[in-house]
C-alpha atoms as a PDB file:
ATOM      1  CA  MET A   1      17.863   1.966   1.988  1.00  0.00           C
ATOM      2  CA  ASN A   2      16.873   5.472   1.332  1.00  0.00           C
ATOM      3  CA  PHE A   3      19.162   8.421   2.360  1.00  0.00           C
ATOM      4  CA  GLY A   4      16.128  10.679   2.334  1.00  0.00           C
ATOM      5  CA  LYS A   5      15.585   9.347   5.987  1.00  0.00           C
ATOM      6  CA  THR A   6      11.981  10.655   6.543  1.00  0.00           C
ATOM      7  CA  GLY A   7       9.099  11.040   4.143  1.00  0.00           C
ATOM      8  CA  THR A   8      10.538   8.278   1.994  1.00  0.00           C
ATOM      9  CA  GLY A   9       8.855   5.384   0.546  1.00  0.00           C
ATOM     10  CA  LEU A  10       7.925   3.222  -2.359  1.00  0.00           C
ATOM     11  CA  ILE A  11       5.369   2.941  -5.196  1.00  0.00           C
ATOM     12  CA  VAL A  12       3.439  -0.306  -5.872  1.00  0.00           C
ATOM     13  CA  THR A  13       1.758  -0.656  -9.191  1.00  0.00           C
ATOM     14  CA  PRO A  14      -0.131  -4.098  -9.410  1.00  0.00           C
ATOM     15  CA  THR A  15       0.697  -6.093 -12.576  1.00  0.00           C
ATOM     16  CA  ALA A  16      -1.882  -7.080 -15.103  1.00  0.00           C
ATOM     17  CA  GLY A  17      -2.784 -10.405 -13.227  1.00  0.00           C
ATOM     18  CA  SER A  18      -3.399  -8.538  -9.936  1.00  0.00           C
ATOM     19  CA  ALA A  19      -4.533  -5.220 -11.204  1.00  0.00           C
ATOM     20  CA  GLY A  20      -8.060  -5.841  -9.873  1.00  0.00           C
ATOM     21  CA  LEU A  21      -6.914  -6.201  -6.250  1.00  0.00           C
ATOM     22  CA  ALA A  22      -7.739  -3.742  -3.629  1.00  0.00           C
ATOM     23  CA  LEU A  23      -4.740  -3.352  -1.297  1.00  0.00           C
ATOM     24  CA  ASP A  24      -5.780  -3.792   2.398  1.00  0.00           C
ATOM     25  CA  GLY A  25      -2.804  -4.818   4.360  1.00  0.00           C
ATOM     26  CA  LEU A  26       1.024  -4.623   4.874  1.00  0.00           C
ATOM     27  CA  SER A  27       3.649  -6.204   7.027  1.00  0.00           C
ATOM     28  CA  PHE A  28       7.269  -5.496   7.340  1.00  0.00           C
ATOM     29  CA  TYR A  29      10.726  -7.334   7.535  1.00  0.00           C
ATOM     30  CA  THR A  30      13.669  -5.783   9.218  1.00  0.00           C
ATOM     31  CA  ALA A  31      16.814  -5.044   7.221  1.00  0.00           C
ATOM     32  CA  GLY A  32      20.326  -6.171   8.139  1.00  0.00           C
ATOM     33  CA  ASP A  33      22.068  -3.191   9.752  1.00  0.00           C
ATOM     34  CA  ALA A  34      21.151  -0.439  12.134  1.00  0.00           C
ATOM     35  CA  PRO A  35      17.710  -0.514  13.991  1.00  0.00           C
ATOM     36  CA  GLU A  36      17.673   3.192  14.274  1.00  0.00           C
ATOM     37  CA  ARG A  37      17.049   3.329  10.466  1.00  0.00           C
ATOM     38  CA  ASP A  38      13.774   1.263  10.708  1.00  0.00           C
ATOM     39  CA  PRO A  39      10.601   3.085   9.875  1.00  0.00           C
ATOM     40  CA  ALA A  40       8.662   4.147  12.887  1.00  0.00           C
ATOM     41  CA  SER A  41       5.452   5.281  11.054  1.00  0.00           C
ATOM     42  CA  TYR A  42       3.739   4.814   7.680  1.00  0.00           C
ATOM     43  CA  SER A  43       1.068   6.210   5.532  1.00  0.00           C
ATOM     44  CA  VAL A  44      -0.489   4.425   2.510  1.00  0.00           C
ATOM     45  CA  TYR A  45      -2.264   6.182  -0.406  1.00  0.00           C
ATOM     46  CA  GLY A  46      -4.279   4.986  -3.312  1.00  0.00           C
ATOM     47  CA  SER A  47      -3.954   6.783  -6.701  1.00  0.00           C
ATOM     48  CA  SER A  48      -6.358   6.428  -9.563  1.00  0.00           C
ATOM     49  CA  SER A  49      -3.637   7.272 -12.068  1.00  0.00           C
ATOM     50  CA  LEU A  50      -0.365   5.360 -12.493  1.00  0.00           C
ATOM     51  CA  LEU A  51       2.557   6.530 -10.503  1.00  0.00           C
ATOM     52  CA  SER A  52       6.063   6.092 -11.830  1.00  0.00           C
ATOM     53  CA  VAL A  53       9.539   6.785 -10.572  1.00  0.00           C
ATOM     54  CA  ASN A  54      10.979   9.570 -12.713  1.00  0.00           C
ATOM     55  CA  ALA A  55      14.186   9.951 -10.782  1.00  0.00           C
ATOM     56  CA  ALA A  56      15.716   9.523  -7.441  1.00  0.00           C
ATOM     57  CA  GLY A  57      14.198  12.044  -5.073  1.00  0.00           C
ATOM     58  CA  THR A  58      10.950  12.389  -6.919  1.00  0.00           C
ATOM     59  CA  ALA A  59       8.246  13.935  -4.728  1.00  0.00           C
ATOM     60  CA  TYR A  60       4.605  13.258  -5.135  1.00  0.00           C
ATOM     61  CA  ALA A  61       1.561  15.464  -4.275  1.00  0.00           C
ATOM     62  CA  THR A  62      -0.694  13.280  -2.138  1.00  0.00           C
ATOM     63  CA  GLY A  63      -3.570  15.786  -2.347  1.00  0.00           C
ATOM     64  CA  SER A  64      -5.142  13.973  -5.250  1.00  0.00           C
ATOM     65  CA  MET A  65      -4.660  10.602  -3.721  1.00  0.00           C
ATOM     66  CA  THR A  66      -6.797   8.744  -1.146  1.00  0.00           C
ATOM     67  CA  LEU A  67      -5.281   8.195   2.280  1.00  0.00           C
ATOM     68  CA  LEU A  68      -6.017   4.606   3.076  1.00  0.00           C
ATOM     69  CA  ALA A  69      -4.149   4.114   6.317  1.00  0.00           C
ATOM     70  CA  SER A  70      -1.466   5.540   8.468  1.00  0.00           C
ATOM     71  CA  GLY A  71      -0.001   4.848  11.926  1.00  0.00           C
ATOM     72  CA  GLY A  72       3.022   3.838  13.925  1.00  0.00           C
ATOM     73  CA  LEU A  73       5.238   0.825  13.556  1.00  0.00           C
ATOM     74  CA  SER A  74       7.016  -1.064  16.297  1.00  0.00           C
ATOM     75  CA  LEU A  75       9.717  -3.051  14.477  1.00  0.00           C
ATOM     76  CA  PRO A  76      12.063  -5.112  16.685  1.00  0.00           C
ATOM     77  CA  ASP A  77      15.736  -4.524  16.977  1.00  0.00           C
ATOM     78  CA  THR A  78      16.449  -8.019  15.868  1.00  0.00           C
ATOM     79  CA  ARG A  79      17.745  -7.917  12.154  1.00  0.00           C
ATOM     80  CA  LEU A  80      16.502  -9.789   9.102  1.00  0.00           C
ATOM     81  CA  THR A  81      13.322 -10.930  10.707  1.00  0.00           C
ATOM     82  CA  GLY A  82       9.665 -10.706   9.787  1.00  0.00           C
ATOM     83  CA  PRO A  83       6.829 -10.366   9.063  1.00  0.00           C
ATOM     84  CA  HIS A  84       6.332  -7.733  11.773  1.00  0.00           C
ATOM     85  CA  SER A  85       3.764  -5.023  12.609  1.00  0.00           C
ATOM     86  CA  PRO A  86       0.940  -6.242  10.340  1.00  0.00           C
ATOM     87  CA  VAL A  87      -1.511  -3.448   9.619  1.00  0.00           C
ATOM     88  CA  THR A  88      -4.884  -3.815   7.890  1.00  0.00           C
ATOM     89  CA  TRP A  89      -7.589  -1.471   6.823  1.00  0.00           C
ATOM     90  CA  ALA A  90     -10.926  -1.529   4.922  1.00  0.00           C
ATOM     91  CA  ASN A  91     -10.563  -0.816   1.202  1.00  0.00           C
ATOM     92  CA  GLU A  92     -12.910  -1.861  -1.600  1.00  0.00           C
ATOM     93  CA  THR A  93     -11.191   0.092  -4.401  1.00  0.00           C
ATOM     94  CA  ALA A  94      -8.560  -1.334  -6.744  1.00  0.00           C
ATOM     95  CA  TYR A  95      -6.280   1.602  -7.435  1.00  0.00           C
ATOM     96  CA  ALA A  96      -3.900   1.964 -10.293  1.00  0.00           C
ATOM     97  CA  SER A  97      -0.872   2.523  -7.997  1.00  0.00           C
ATOM     98  CA  TYR A  98      -0.297   2.727  -4.290  1.00  0.00           C
ATOM     99  CA  LEU A  99       2.158   5.024  -2.506  1.00  0.00           C
ATOM    100  CA  ILE A 100       3.600   3.842   0.826  1.00  0.00           C
ATOM    101  CA  VAL A 101       5.431   6.553   2.728  1.00  0.00           C
ATOM    102  CA  PHE A 102       7.607   6.027   5.754  1.00  0.00           C
ATOM    103  CA  ASP A 103       7.099   9.370   7.598  1.00  0.00           C
ATOM    104  CA  THR A 104       9.620   8.800  10.412  1.00  0.00           C
ATOM    105  CA  VAL A 105      12.407   6.542  11.504  1.00  0.00           C
ATOM    106  CA  LYS A 106      13.036   4.888  14.886  1.00  0.00           C
ATOM    107  CA  ASN A 107      15.854   7.177  15.934  1.00  0.00           C
ATOM    108  CA  PRO A 108      16.213  10.207  13.667  1.00  0.00           C
ATOM    109  CA  SER A 109      19.198  11.750  15.537  1.00  0.00           C
ATOM    110  CA  ALA A 110      21.283   8.568  15.077  1.00  0.00           C
ATOM    111  CA  ALA A 111      20.054   7.375  11.584  1.00  0.00           C
ATOM    112  CA  ASN A 112      21.444   8.613   8.345  1.00  0.00           C
ATOM    113  CA  SER A 113      18.830   6.915   6.195  1.00  0.00           C
ATOM    114  CA  MET A 114      15.711   4.746   6.234  1.00  0.00           C
ATOM    115  CA  GLN A 115      15.836   1.094   5.615  1.00  0.00           C
ATOM    116  CA  ILE A 116      13.435  -1.695   5.251  1.00  0.00           C
ATOM    117  CA  ALA A 117      14.229  -5.268   3.952  1.00  0.00           C
ATOM    118  CA  GLU A 118      10.845  -6.247   2.676  1.00  0.00           C
ATOM    119  CA  VAL A 119       7.211  -5.095   2.635  1.00  0.00           C
ATOM    120  CA  THR A 120       4.485  -7.771   1.981  1.00  0.00           C
ATOM    121  CA  PHE A 121       1.179  -6.601   0.560  1.00  0.00           C
ATOM    122  CA  GLU A 122      -2.287  -8.037   1.112  1.00  0.00           C
ATOM    123  CA  GLY A 123      -5.255  -7.522  -1.135  1.00  0.00           C
ATOM    124  CA  HIS A 124      -8.514  -8.857  -2.295  1.00  0.00           C
ATOM    125  CA  ALA A 125     -10.896  -8.513  -5.336  1.00  0.00           C
ATOM    126  CA  PRO A 126     -13.224  -5.628  -4.560  1.00  0.00           C
ATOM    127  CA  VAL A 127     -16.819  -6.564  -3.733  1.00  0.00           C
ATOM    128  CA  PRO A 128     -19.205  -5.060  -6.369  1.00  0.00           C
ATOM    129  CA  GLU A 129     -21.581  -2.360  -5.162  1.00  0.00           C
ATOM    130  CA  PRO A 130     -25.113  -3.907  -4.565  1.00  0.00           C
ATOM    131  CA  ALA A 131     -26.663  -1.673  -7.213  1.00  0.00           C
ATOM    132  CA  SER A 132     -24.313  -3.248  -9.813  1.00  0.00           C
ATOM    133  CA  VAL A 133     -25.282  -6.772  -8.689  1.00  0.00           C
ATOM    134  CA  THR A 134     -29.011  -5.907  -8.792  1.00  0.00           C
ATOM    135  CA  LEU A 135     -28.630  -4.505 -12.277  1.00  0.00           C
ATOM    136  CA  ALA A 136     -26.755  -7.568 -13.523  1.00  0.00           C
ATOM    137  CA  ALA A 137     -29.442  -9.875 -12.036  1.00  0.00           C
ATOM    138  CA  LEU A 138     -32.321  -7.793 -13.662  1.00  0.00           C
ATOM    139  CA  ALA A 139     -30.467  -7.953 -17.060  1.00  0.00           C
ATOM    140  CA  GLY A 140     -30.152 -11.685 -16.693  1.00  0.00           C
ATOM    141  CA  LEU A 141     -33.930 -12.080 -15.945  1.00  0.00           C
ATOM    142  CA  PHE A 142     -34.777  -9.969 -18.908  1.00  0.00           C
ATOM    143  CA  LEU A 143     -32.587 -12.047 -21.209  1.00  0.00           C
ATOM    144  CA  ALA A 144     -34.035 -15.178 -19.797  1.00  0.00           C
ATOM    145  CA  ARG A 145     -37.704 -13.955 -20.499  1.00  0.00           C
ATOM    146  CA  ARG A 146     -36.863 -12.953 -24.081  1.00  0.00           C
ATOM    147  CA  ARG A 147     -35.495 -16.373 -24.978  1.00  0.00           C
ATOM    148  CA  ARG A 148     -38.709 -18.102 -24.272  1.00  0.00           C
END
């Protein structure tokens, strides 16, 4: 729950074991109380530098981040359920941190906050650029020829 209501969100910084993953999907679980507090829209940003929470109410300038995806959400009024509203996008970059912002809530005039029970993340190992694969293959051929 975040009493900021709109423009609130969360930071995801992959741990060492998953730091090489490119985030490319989210799904959502509804929280236990009022449906009017559910997020109605989202934006996902990738940051090449680590983001950290300095204090409650910290704001982040998204101008230096890459907007990966944004759109509306249609979470059901049933509580404590999910996953719902899966969203996916194309991304081949493993960012240091991701910022997920919930831009609006389902019923802003009745809500005093934004709530979400859980967000699940999907990711994959980025595919290397063809030029990198070609260079690695050429280096391997060169080394193989030198050994003879």
